[in-house]
Amino acid sequence: MYSGKKYFIVAANGDQFYSVTIAYSTTEVSGDLKVDKAESIQCKYFFREEFPVYIVKSHREVLDEFFSEKKPPNQFGN
């Protein structure tokens, strides 16, 4: 879970809030991704090397931390 002082955000419309990000990981996946149009535009799986150049700063921090941990080869897109 990621939250706290450094996650304080002022939106373009002036709204102020603290974001809370909860990250989950798994090696077991089945079924199809389904987009909830009220929440997302697109859902997609990526290999580590294929992540888009632009990722929200707080999400980049989560991914960098996750990938910096030692993982067995061929797991999580390695």
C-alpha atoms as a PDB file:
ATOM      1  CA  MET A   1       0.000   0.000   0.000  1.00  0.00           C
ATOM      2  CA  TYR A   2       1.324   3.432  -0.948  1.00  0.00           C
ATOM      3  CA  SER A   3       0.039   6.658   0.578  1.00  0.00           C
ATOM      4  CA  GLY A   4       1.140   9.532   2.765  1.00  0.00           C
ATOM      5  CA  LYS A   5       2.539  13.049   2.446  1.00  0.00           C
ATOM      6  CA  LYS A   6       4.341  12.512  -0.851  1.00  0.00           C
ATOM      7  CA  TYR A   7       1.084  11.333  -2.451  1.00  0.00           C
ATOM      8  CA  PHE A   8      -0.683  14.666  -1.976  1.00  0.00           C
ATOM      9  CA  ILE A   9      -2.126  15.822  -5.310  1.00  0.00           C
ATOM     10  CA  VAL A  10      -3.697  19.034  -6.556  1.00  0.00           C
ATOM     11  CA  ALA A  11      -5.793  18.243  -9.651  1.00  0.00           C
ATOM     12  CA  ALA A  12      -6.105  20.579 -12.626  1.00  0.00           C
ATOM     13  CA  ASN A  13      -9.518  21.711 -11.327  1.00  0.00           C
ATOM     14  CA  GLY A  14      -8.033  22.619  -7.922  1.00  0.00           C
ATOM     15  CA  ASP A  15      -9.265  19.565  -6.035  1.00  0.00           C
ATOM     16  CA  GLN A  16      -6.776  18.467  -3.381  1.00  0.00           C
ATOM     17  CA  PHE A  17      -6.428  14.896  -2.160  1.00  0.00           C
ATOM     18  CA  TYR A  18      -4.079  12.144  -1.039  1.00  0.00           C
ATOM     19  CA  SER A  19      -3.913   9.177  -3.352  1.00  0.00           C
ATOM     20  CA  VAL A  20      -3.883   5.639  -2.026  1.00  0.00           C
ATOM     21  CA  THR A  21      -2.472   2.907  -4.260  1.00  0.00           C
ATOM     22  CA  ILE A  22      -2.732  -0.762  -3.378  1.00  0.00           C
ATOM     23  CA  ALA A  23      -0.578  -3.051  -5.499  1.00  0.00           C
ATOM     24  CA  TYR A  24      -1.157  -6.774  -5.981  1.00  0.00           C
ATOM     25  CA  SER A  25       0.955  -9.313  -7.827  1.00  0.00           C
ATOM     26  CA  THR A  26       0.237 -12.844  -8.965  1.00  0.00           C
ATOM     27  CA  THR A  27       1.628 -15.549 -11.186  1.00  0.00           C
ATOM     28  CA  GLU A  28      -1.784 -17.116 -11.791  1.00  0.00           C
ATOM     29  CA  VAL A  29      -4.034 -15.483 -14.389  1.00  0.00           C
ATOM     30  CA  SER A  30      -7.089 -16.799 -16.193  1.00  0.00           C
ATOM     31  CA  GLY A  31     -10.052 -15.380 -18.079  1.00  0.00           C
ATOM     32  CA  ASP A  32     -10.311 -12.146 -20.032  1.00  0.00           C
ATOM     33  CA  LEU A  33      -9.686  -8.598 -18.885  1.00  0.00           C
ATOM     34  CA  LYS A  34     -12.889  -6.547 -18.796  1.00  0.00           C
ATOM     35  CA  VAL A  35     -12.965  -2.774 -18.807  1.00  0.00           C
ATOM     36  CA  ASP A  36     -15.303  -0.923 -16.448  1.00  0.00           C
ATOM     37  CA  LYS A  37     -15.975   2.170 -18.594  1.00  0.00           C
ATOM     38  CA  ALA A  38     -16.673   4.229 -15.456  1.00  0.00           C
ATOM     39  CA  GLU A  39     -13.120   3.525 -14.206  1.00  0.00           C
ATOM     40  CA  SER A  40     -10.864   2.835 -17.196  1.00  0.00           C
ATOM     41  CA  ILE A  41     -10.410   3.316 -20.898  1.00  0.00           C
ATOM     42  CA  GLN A  42      -8.315   0.218 -21.453  1.00  0.00           C
ATOM     43  CA  CYS A  43      -6.942  -2.794 -19.570  1.00  0.00           C
ATOM     44  CA  LYS A  44      -3.883  -4.586 -20.886  1.00  0.00           C
ATOM     45  CA  TYR A  45      -1.108  -6.901 -19.727  1.00  0.00           C
ATOM     46  CA  PHE A  46       2.480  -5.828 -20.417  1.00  0.00           C
ATOM     47  CA  PHE A  47       5.796  -7.572 -20.262  1.00  0.00           C
ATOM     48  CA  ARG A  48       8.271  -5.622 -18.167  1.00  0.00           C
ATOM     49  CA  GLU A  49      10.157  -4.401 -21.252  1.00  0.00           C
ATOM     50  CA  GLU A  50       6.952  -3.188 -22.925  1.00  0.00           C
ATOM     51  CA  PHE A  51       5.614  -0.740 -20.321  1.00  0.00           C
ATOM     52  CA  PRO A  52       4.526   2.568 -21.850  1.00  0.00           C
ATOM     53  CA  VAL A  53       6.955   5.473 -21.553  1.00  0.00           C
ATOM     54  CA  TYR A  54       4.412   7.498 -19.578  1.00  0.00           C
ATOM     55  CA  ILE A  55       3.181   5.956 -16.362  1.00  0.00           C
ATOM     56  CA  VAL A  56       1.779   7.982 -13.466  1.00  0.00           C
ATOM     57  CA  LYS A  57       4.673   8.787 -11.105  1.00  0.00           C
ATOM     58  CA  SER A  58       3.196   6.891  -8.149  1.00  0.00           C
ATOM     59  CA  HIS A  59       2.612   3.821 -10.320  1.00  0.00           C
ATOM     60  CA  ARG A  60       6.170   3.988 -11.648  1.00  0.00           C
ATOM     61  CA  GLU A  61       7.403   3.917  -8.038  1.00  0.00           C
ATOM     62  CA  VAL A  62       5.363   0.765  -7.318  1.00  0.00           C
ATOM     63  CA  LEU A  63       6.685  -0.972 -10.441  1.00  0.00           C
ATOM     64  CA  ASP A  64      10.297   0.069  -9.814  1.00  0.00           C
ATOM     65  CA  GLU A  65      10.093  -1.275  -6.273  1.00  0.00           C
ATOM     66  CA  PHE A  66       8.485  -4.520  -7.421  1.00  0.00           C
ATOM     67  CA  PHE A  67      11.042  -5.162 -10.165  1.00  0.00           C
ATOM     68  CA  SER A  68      13.982  -4.290  -7.906  1.00  0.00           C
ATOM     69  CA  GLU A  69      13.172  -7.246  -5.648  1.00  0.00           C
ATOM     70  CA  LYS A  70      14.870 -10.510  -6.559  1.00  0.00           C
ATOM     71  CA  LYS A  71      12.468 -12.726  -8.523  1.00  0.00           C
ATOM     72  CA  PRO A  72      13.132 -16.186  -9.992  1.00  0.00           C
ATOM     73  CA  PRO A  73      13.936 -16.152 -13.764  1.00  0.00           C
ATOM     74  CA  ASN A  74      10.998 -16.319 -16.199  1.00  0.00           C
ATOM     75  CA  GLN A  75       8.570 -14.952 -13.622  1.00  0.00           C
ATOM     76  CA  PHE A  76       6.609 -11.689 -14.022  1.00  0.00           C
ATOM     77  CA  GLY A  77       7.673 -11.162 -17.623  1.00  0.00           C
ATOM     78  CA  ASN A  78      11.432 -11.517 -17.007  1.00  0.00           C
END
